[in-house]
Amino acid sequence: PGMFAGMLQQYLGYTTFFILVVICTSLTF
């Protein structure tokens, strides 16, 4: 995941990226 995290952040911006991280917590559940 770390390999494409930077590309995602630059495309989405910090706030949207962090929202995406929260959405991805569904995978943990």
PDB file of all heavy atoms in Angstrom:
ATOM      1  N   PRO A   1       0.817  -1.225   0.000  1.00  0.00           N
ATOM      2  CA  PRO A   1       0.000   0.000   0.000  1.00  0.00           C
ATOM      3  C   PRO A   1       0.848   1.271   0.000  1.00  0.00           C
ATOM      4  O   PRO A   1       0.470   2.273  -0.612  1.00  0.00           O
ATOM      5  CB  PRO A   1      -0.810  -0.117   1.302  1.00  0.00           C
ATOM      6  CG  PRO A   1      -0.811  -1.574   1.620  1.00  0.00           C
ATOM      7  CD  PRO A   1       0.523  -2.067   1.182  1.00  0.00           C
ATOM      8  N   GLY A   2       1.986   1.229   0.688  1.00  0.00           N
ATOM      9  CA  GLY A   2       2.830   2.411   0.755  1.00  0.00           C
ATOM     10  C   GLY A   2       3.368   2.839  -0.595  1.00  0.00           C
ATOM     11  O   GLY A   2       3.638   4.019  -0.821  1.00  0.00           O
ATOM     12  N   MET A   3       3.518   1.873  -1.514  1.00  0.00           N
ATOM     13  CA  MET A   3       4.096   2.179  -2.816  1.00  0.00           C
ATOM     14  C   MET A   3       3.222   3.117  -3.646  1.00  0.00           C
ATOM     15  O   MET A   3       3.722   3.912  -4.440  1.00  0.00           O
ATOM     16  CB  MET A   3       4.361   0.874  -3.578  1.00  0.00           C
ATOM     17  CG  MET A   3       5.464   0.032  -2.970  1.00  0.00           C
ATOM     18  SD  MET A   3       5.653  -1.583  -3.764  1.00  0.00           S
ATOM     19  CE  MET A   3       6.255  -1.088  -5.380  1.00  0.00           C
ATOM     20  N   PHE A   4       1.890   3.032  -3.475  1.00  0.00           N
ATOM     21  CA  PHE A   4       1.010   3.919  -4.254  1.00  0.00           C
ATOM     22  C   PHE A   4       0.332   4.971  -3.379  1.00  0.00           C
ATOM     23  O   PHE A   4      -0.480   5.762  -3.875  1.00  0.00           O
ATOM     24  CB  PHE A   4      -0.039   3.116  -5.031  1.00  0.00           C
ATOM     25  CG  PHE A   4      -0.927   2.233  -4.207  1.00  0.00           C
ATOM     26  CD1 PHE A   4      -2.040   2.751  -3.571  1.00  0.00           C
ATOM     27  CD2 PHE A   4      -0.654   0.882  -4.071  1.00  0.00           C
ATOM     28  CE1 PHE A   4      -2.873   1.949  -2.812  1.00  0.00           C
ATOM     29  CE2 PHE A   4      -1.485   0.061  -3.324  1.00  0.00           C
ATOM     30  CZ  PHE A   4      -2.595   0.592  -2.689  1.00  0.00           C
ATOM     31  N   ALA A   5       0.656   5.019  -2.086  1.00  0.00           N
ATOM     32  CA  ALA A   5       0.038   6.013  -1.199  1.00  0.00           C
ATOM     33  C   ALA A   5       0.377   7.432  -1.632  1.00  0.00           C
ATOM     34  O   ALA A   5      -0.482   8.325  -1.604  1.00  0.00           O
ATOM     35  CB  ALA A   5       0.484   5.775   0.247  1.00  0.00           C
ATOM     36  N   GLY A   6       1.625   7.655  -2.035  1.00  0.00           N
ATOM     37  CA  GLY A   6       2.035   8.999  -2.443  1.00  0.00           C
ATOM     38  C   GLY A   6       1.296   9.482  -3.677  1.00  0.00           C
ATOM     39  O   GLY A   6       0.878  10.647  -3.762  1.00  0.00           O
ATOM     40  N   MET A   7       1.132   8.596  -4.655  1.00  0.00           N
ATOM     41  CA  MET A   7       0.394   8.972  -5.875  1.00  0.00           C
ATOM     42  C   MET A   7      -1.060   9.297  -5.556  1.00  0.00           C
ATOM     43  O   MET A   7      -1.623  10.265  -6.088  1.00  0.00           O
ATOM     44  CB  MET A   7       0.486   7.839  -6.903  1.00  0.00           C
ATOM     45  CG  MET A   7       1.865   7.646  -7.494  1.00  0.00           C
ATOM     46  SD  MET A   7       1.907   6.364  -8.782  1.00  0.00           S
ATOM     47  CE  MET A   7       1.720   4.892  -7.763  1.00  0.00           C
ATOM     48  N   LEU A   8      -1.673   8.488  -4.672  1.00  0.00           N
ATOM     49  CA  LEU A   8      -3.050   8.746  -4.270  1.00  0.00           C
ATOM     50  C   LEU A   8      -3.177  10.097  -3.590  1.00  0.00           C
ATOM     51  O   LEU A   8      -4.096  10.876  -3.886  1.00  0.00           O
ATOM     52  CB  LEU A   8      -3.534   7.649  -3.323  1.00  0.00           C
ATOM     53  CG  LEU A   8      -4.150   6.384  -3.923  1.00  0.00           C
ATOM     54  CD1 LEU A   8      -4.482   5.399  -2.809  1.00  0.00           C
ATOM     55  CD2 LEU A   8      -5.406   6.735  -4.718  1.00  0.00           C
ATOM     56  N   GLN A   9      -2.267  10.384  -2.689  1.00  0.00           N
ATOM     57  CA  GLN A   9      -2.340  11.643  -1.942  1.00  0.00           C
ATOM     58  C   GLN A   9      -2.196  12.842  -2.872  1.00  0.00           C
ATOM     59  O   GLN A   9      -2.926  13.827  -2.730  1.00  0.00           O
ATOM     60  CB  GLN A   9      -1.251  11.662  -0.859  1.00  0.00           C
ATOM     61  CG  GLN A   9      -1.265  12.914   0.009  1.00  0.00           C
ATOM     62  CD  GLN A   9      -0.539  14.082  -0.633  1.00  0.00           C
ATOM     63  OE1 GLN A   9       0.560  13.911  -1.160  1.00  0.00           O
ATOM     64  NE2 GLN A   9      -1.147  15.262  -0.601  1.00  0.00           N
ATOM     65  N   GLN A  10      -1.245  12.757  -3.797  1.00  0.00           N
ATOM     66  CA  GLN A  10      -1.037  13.898  -4.692  1.00  0.00           C
ATOM     67  C   GLN A  10      -2.246  14.103  -5.613  1.00  0.00           C
ATOM     68  O   GLN A  10      -2.551  15.237  -5.983  1.00  0.00           O
ATOM     69  CB  GLN A  10       0.230  13.678  -5.521  1.00  0.00           C
ATOM     70  CG  GLN A  10       1.510  13.867  -4.702  1.00  0.00           C
ATOM     71  CD  GLN A  10       2.699  14.203  -5.571  1.00  0.00           C
ATOM     72  OE1 GLN A  10       2.905  13.608  -6.613  1.00  0.00           O
ATOM     73  NE2 GLN A  10       3.507  15.155  -5.140  1.00  0.00           N
ATOM     74  N   TYR A  11      -2.914  13.038  -5.959  1.00  0.00           N
ATOM     75  CA  TYR A  11      -4.092  13.147  -6.826  1.00  0.00           C
ATOM     76  C   TYR A  11      -5.302  13.664  -6.048  1.00  0.00           C
ATOM     77  O   TYR A  11      -6.073  14.489  -6.557  1.00  0.00           O
ATOM     78  CB  TYR A  11      -4.409  11.785  -7.447  1.00  0.00           C
ATOM     79  CG  TYR A  11      -5.610  11.787  -8.348  1.00  0.00           C
ATOM     80  CD1 TYR A  11      -5.557  12.346  -9.626  1.00  0.00           C
ATOM     81  CD2 TYR A  11      -6.816  11.235  -7.915  1.00  0.00           C
ATOM     82  CE1 TYR A  11      -6.678  12.352 -10.452  1.00  0.00           C
ATOM     83  CE2 TYR A  11      -7.939  11.232  -8.729  1.00  0.00           C
ATOM     84  CZ  TYR A  11      -7.865  11.793  -9.998  1.00  0.00           C
ATOM     85  OH  TYR A  11      -8.965  11.810 -10.811  1.00  0.00           O
ATOM     86  N   LEU A  12      -5.464  13.194  -4.811  1.00  0.00           N
ATOM     87  CA  LEU A  12      -6.665  13.508  -4.024  1.00  0.00           C
ATOM     88  C   LEU A  12      -6.516  14.735  -3.138  1.00  0.00           C
ATOM     89  O   LEU A  12      -7.515  15.370  -2.794  1.00  0.00           O
ATOM     90  CB  LEU A  12      -7.042  12.301  -3.149  1.00  0.00           C
ATOM     91  CG  LEU A  12      -7.399  11.007  -3.866  1.00  0.00           C
ATOM     92  CD1 LEU A  12      -7.568   9.882  -2.849  1.00  0.00           C
ATOM     93  CD2 LEU A  12      -8.673  11.187  -4.681  1.00  0.00           C
ATOM     94  N   GLY A  13      -5.294  15.057  -2.734  1.00  0.00           N
ATOM     95  CA  GLY A  13      -5.101  16.065  -1.698  1.00  0.00           C
ATOM     96  C   GLY A  13      -5.155  15.408  -0.330  1.00  0.00           C
ATOM     97  O   GLY A  13      -5.655  14.279  -0.188  1.00  0.00           O
ATOM     98  N   TYR A  14      -4.646  16.097   0.692  1.00  0.00           N
ATOM     99  CA  TYR A  14      -4.532  15.480   2.012  1.00  0.00           C
ATOM    100  C   TYR A  14      -5.882  15.109   2.624  1.00  0.00           C
ATOM    101  O   TYR A  14      -6.084  13.996   3.105  1.00  0.00           O
ATOM    102  CB  TYR A  14      -3.768  16.396   2.954  1.00  0.00           C
ATOM    103  CG  TYR A  14      -2.268  16.363   2.727  1.00  0.00           C
ATOM    104  CD1 TYR A  14      -1.593  17.485   2.260  1.00  0.00           C
ATOM    105  CD2 TYR A  14      -1.525  15.211   2.981  1.00  0.00           C
ATOM    106  CE1 TYR A  14      -0.225  17.463   2.050  1.00  0.00           C
ATOM    107  CE2 TYR A  14      -0.158  15.178   2.772  1.00  0.00           C
ATOM    108  CZ  TYR A  14       0.491  16.310   2.303  1.00  0.00           C
ATOM    109  OH  TYR A  14       1.844  16.277   2.089  1.00  0.00           O
ATOM    110  N   THR A  15      -6.829  16.028   2.627  1.00  0.00           N
ATOM    111  CA  THR A  15      -8.106  15.756   3.302  1.00  0.00           C
ATOM    112  C   THR A  15      -8.839  14.572   2.683  1.00  0.00           C
ATOM    113  O   THR A  15      -9.275  13.646   3.390  1.00  0.00           O
ATOM    114  CB  THR A  15      -9.014  16.999   3.263  1.00  0.00           C
ATOM    115  OG1 THR A  15      -8.356  18.096   3.915  1.00  0.00           O
ATOM    116  CG2 THR A  15     -10.327  16.721   3.987  1.00  0.00           C
ATOM    117  N   THR A  16      -8.976  14.573   1.364  1.00  0.00           N
ATOM    118  CA  THR A  16      -9.666  13.465   0.698  1.00  0.00           C
ATOM    119  C   THR A  16      -8.911  12.153   0.872  1.00  0.00           C
ATOM    120  O   THR A  16      -9.516  11.086   1.029  1.00  0.00           O
ATOM    121  CB  THR A  16      -9.842  13.772  -0.806  1.00  0.00           C
ATOM    122  OG1 THR A  16     -10.478  15.042  -0.962  1.00  0.00           O
ATOM    123  CG2 THR A  16     -10.690  12.704  -1.481  1.00  0.00           C
ATOM    124  N   PHE A  17      -7.582  12.244   0.864  1.00  0.00           N
ATOM    125  CA  PHE A  17      -6.772  11.030   1.086  1.00  0.00           C
ATOM    126  C   PHE A  17      -7.054  10.447   2.464  1.00  0.00           C
ATOM    127  O   PHE A  17      -7.245   9.229   2.599  1.00  0.00           O
ATOM    128  CB  PHE A  17      -5.290  11.347   0.941  1.00  0.00           C
ATOM    129  CG  PHE A  17      -4.388  10.184   1.289  1.00  0.00           C
ATOM    130  CD1 PHE A  17      -4.128   9.189   0.364  1.00  0.00           C
ATOM    131  CD2 PHE A  17      -3.820  10.087   2.555  1.00  0.00           C
ATOM    132  CE1 PHE A  17      -3.312   8.110   0.689  1.00  0.00           C
ATOM    133  CE2 PHE A  17      -3.003   9.018   2.884  1.00  0.00           C
ATOM    134  CZ  PHE A  17      -2.745   8.022   1.946  1.00  0.00           C
ATOM    135  N   PHE A  18      -7.087  11.293   3.479  1.00  0.00           N
ATOM    136  CA  PHE A  18      -7.340  10.800   4.835  1.00  0.00           C
ATOM    137  C   PHE A  18      -8.771  10.256   4.973  1.00  0.00           C
ATOM    138  O   PHE A  18      -9.008   9.300   5.720  1.00  0.00           O
ATOM    139  CB  PHE A  18      -7.081  11.896   5.860  1.00  0.00           C
ATOM    140  CG  PHE A  18      -5.619  12.265   5.986  1.00  0.00           C
ATOM    141  CD1 PHE A  18      -5.233  13.610   6.085  1.00  0.00           C
ATOM    142  CD2 PHE A  18      -4.637  11.295   6.001  1.00  0.00           C
ATOM    143  CE1 PHE A  18      -3.887  13.954   6.203  1.00  0.00           C
ATOM    144  CE2 PHE A  18      -3.295  11.634   6.120  1.00  0.00           C
ATOM    145  CZ  PHE A  18      -2.918  12.967   6.211  1.00  0.00           C
ATOM    146  N   ILE A  19      -9.716  10.848   4.259  1.00  0.00           N
ATOM    147  CA  ILE A  19     -11.074  10.301   4.248  1.00  0.00           C
ATOM    148  C   ILE A  19     -11.073   8.908   3.618  1.00  0.00           C
ATOM    149  O   ILE A  19     -11.740   7.985   4.105  1.00  0.00           O
ATOM    150  CB  ILE A  19     -12.034  11.240   3.488  1.00  0.00           C
ATOM    151  CG1 ILE A  19     -12.229  12.544   4.274  1.00  0.00           C
ATOM    152  CG2 ILE A  19     -13.384  10.567   3.234  1.00  0.00           C
ATOM    153  CD1 ILE A  19     -13.013  13.616   3.525  1.00  0.00           C
ATOM    154  N   LEU A  20     -10.291   8.755   2.533  1.00  0.00           N
ATOM    155  CA  LEU A  20     -10.165   7.445   1.895  1.00  0.00           C
ATOM    156  C   LEU A  20      -9.574   6.416   2.864  1.00  0.00           C
ATOM    157  O   LEU A  20     -10.014   5.254   2.899  1.00  0.00           O
ATOM    158  CB  LEU A  20      -9.288   7.549   0.651  1.00  0.00           C
ATOM    159  CG  LEU A  20      -8.994   6.225  -0.079  1.00  0.00           C
ATOM    160  CD1 LEU A  20     -10.290   5.619  -0.629  1.00  0.00           C
ATOM    161  CD2 LEU A  20      -7.981   6.436  -1.195  1.00  0.00           C
ATOM    162  N   VAL A  21      -8.592   6.833   3.660  1.00  0.00           N
ATOM    163  CA  VAL A  21      -8.002   5.942   4.658  1.00  0.00           C
ATOM    164  C   VAL A  21      -9.085   5.455   5.620  1.00  0.00           C
ATOM    165  O   VAL A  21      -9.157   4.265   5.948  1.00  0.00           O
ATOM    166  CB  VAL A  21      -6.867   6.654   5.433  1.00  0.00           C
ATOM    167  CG1 VAL A  21      -6.449   5.835   6.660  1.00  0.00           C
ATOM    168  CG2 VAL A  21      -5.668   6.882   4.523  1.00  0.00           C
ATOM    169  N   VAL A  22      -9.933   6.374   6.071  1.00  0.00           N
ATOM    170  CA  VAL A  22     -11.009   6.003   6.990  1.00  0.00           C
ATOM    171  C   VAL A  22     -11.980   5.027   6.315  1.00  0.00           C
ATOM    172  O   VAL A  22     -12.431   4.052   6.930  1.00  0.00           O
ATOM    173  CB  VAL A  22     -11.760   7.262   7.478  1.00  0.00           C
ATOM    174  CG1 VAL A  22     -12.985   6.871   8.298  1.00  0.00           C
ATOM    175  CG2 VAL A  22     -10.828   8.139   8.308  1.00  0.00           C
ATOM    176  N   ILE A  23     -12.293   5.255   5.054  1.00  0.00           N
ATOM    177  CA  ILE A  23     -13.170   4.341   4.321  1.00  0.00           C
ATOM    178  C   ILE A  23     -12.539   2.944   4.237  1.00  0.00           C
ATOM    179  O   ILE A  23     -13.220   1.921   4.381  1.00  0.00           O
ATOM    180  CB  ILE A  23     -13.468   4.881   2.910  1.00  0.00           C
ATOM    181  CG1 ILE A  23     -14.304   6.165   2.991  1.00  0.00           C
ATOM    182  CG2 ILE A  23     -14.177   3.831   2.054  1.00  0.00           C
ATOM    183  CD1 ILE A  23     -14.471   6.880   1.668  1.00  0.00           C
ATOM    184  N   CYS A  24     -11.226   2.906   4.042  1.00  0.00           N
ATOM    185  CA  CYS A  24     -10.520   1.626   3.921  1.00  0.00           C
ATOM    186  C   CYS A  24     -10.487   0.844   5.232  1.00  0.00           C
ATOM    187  O   CYS A  24     -10.156  -0.355   5.227  1.00  0.00           O
ATOM    188  CB  CYS A  24      -9.092   1.858   3.430  1.00  0.00           C
ATOM    189  SG  CYS A  24      -8.977   2.316   1.681  1.00  0.00           S
ATOM    190  N   THR A  25     -10.823   1.491   6.340  1.00  0.00           N
ATOM    191  CA  THR A  25     -10.866   0.744   7.603  1.00  0.00           C
ATOM    192  C   THR A  25     -11.931  -0.351   7.572  1.00  0.00           C
ATOM    193  O   THR A  25     -11.897  -1.269   8.391  1.00  0.00           O
ATOM    194  CB  THR A  25     -11.130   1.677   8.802  1.00  0.00           C
ATOM    195  OG1 THR A  25     -12.392   2.336   8.633  1.00  0.00           O
ATOM    196  CG2 THR A  25     -10.023   2.709   8.952  1.00  0.00           C
ATOM    197  N   SER A  26     -12.862  -0.254   6.626  1.00  0.00           N
ATOM    198  CA  SER A  26     -13.864  -1.322   6.483  1.00  0.00           C
ATOM    199  C   SER A  26     -13.194  -2.659   6.194  1.00  0.00           C
ATOM    200  O   SER A  26     -13.699  -3.720   6.585  1.00  0.00           O
ATOM    201  CB  SER A  26     -14.860  -0.977   5.373  1.00  0.00           C
ATOM    202  OG  SER A  26     -14.189  -0.818   4.127  1.00  0.00           O
ATOM    203  N   LEU A  27     -12.046  -2.633   5.514  1.00  0.00           N
ATOM    204  CA  LEU A  27     -11.306  -3.870   5.237  1.00  0.00           C
ATOM    205  C   LEU A  27     -10.841  -4.526   6.522  1.00  0.00           C
ATOM    206  O   LEU A  27     -10.839  -5.758   6.632  1.00  0.00           O
ATOM    207  CB  LEU A  27     -10.102  -3.577   4.332  1.00  0.00           C
ATOM    208  CG  LEU A  27     -10.405  -3.135   2.905  1.00  0.00           C
ATOM    209  CD1 LEU A  27      -9.120  -2.729   2.200  1.00  0.00           C
ATOM    210  CD2 LEU A  27     -11.099  -4.247   2.139  1.00  0.00           C
ATOM    211  N   THR A  28     -10.435  -3.714   7.499  1.00  0.00           N
ATOM    212  CA  THR A  28     -10.004  -4.247   8.788  1.00  0.00           C
ATOM    213  C   THR A  28     -11.141  -4.994   9.467  1.00  0.00           C
ATOM    214  O   THR A  28     -10.950  -6.092  10.010  1.00  0.00           O
ATOM    215  CB  THR A  28      -9.506  -3.106   9.695  1.00  0.00           C
ATOM    216  OG1 THR A  28      -8.483  -2.368   9.004  1.00  0.00           O
ATOM    217  CG2 THR A  28      -8.943  -3.653  10.993  1.00  0.00           C
ATOM    218  N   PHE A  29     -12.330  -4.418   9.430  1.00  0.00           N
ATOM    219  CA  PHE A  29     -13.493  -5.071  10.032  1.00  0.00           C
ATOM    220  C   PHE A  29     -13.838  -6.371   9.301  1.00  0.00           C
ATOM    221  O   PHE A  29     -14.177  -7.378   9.926  1.00  0.00           O
ATOM    222  CB  PHE A  29     -14.698  -4.125  10.019  1.00  0.00           C
ATOM    223  CG  PHE A  29     -14.622  -3.034  11.046  1.00  0.00           C
ATOM    224  CD1 PHE A  29     -14.001  -1.830  10.760  1.00  0.00           C
ATOM    225  CD2 PHE A  29     -15.163  -3.220  12.307  1.00  0.00           C
ATOM    226  CE1 PHE A  29     -13.931  -0.821  11.709  1.00  0.00           C
ATOM    227  CE2 PHE A  29     -15.106  -2.218  13.265  1.00  0.00           C
ATOM    228  CZ  PHE A  29     -14.477  -1.015  12.973  1.00  0.00           C
TER     229      PHE A  29
END
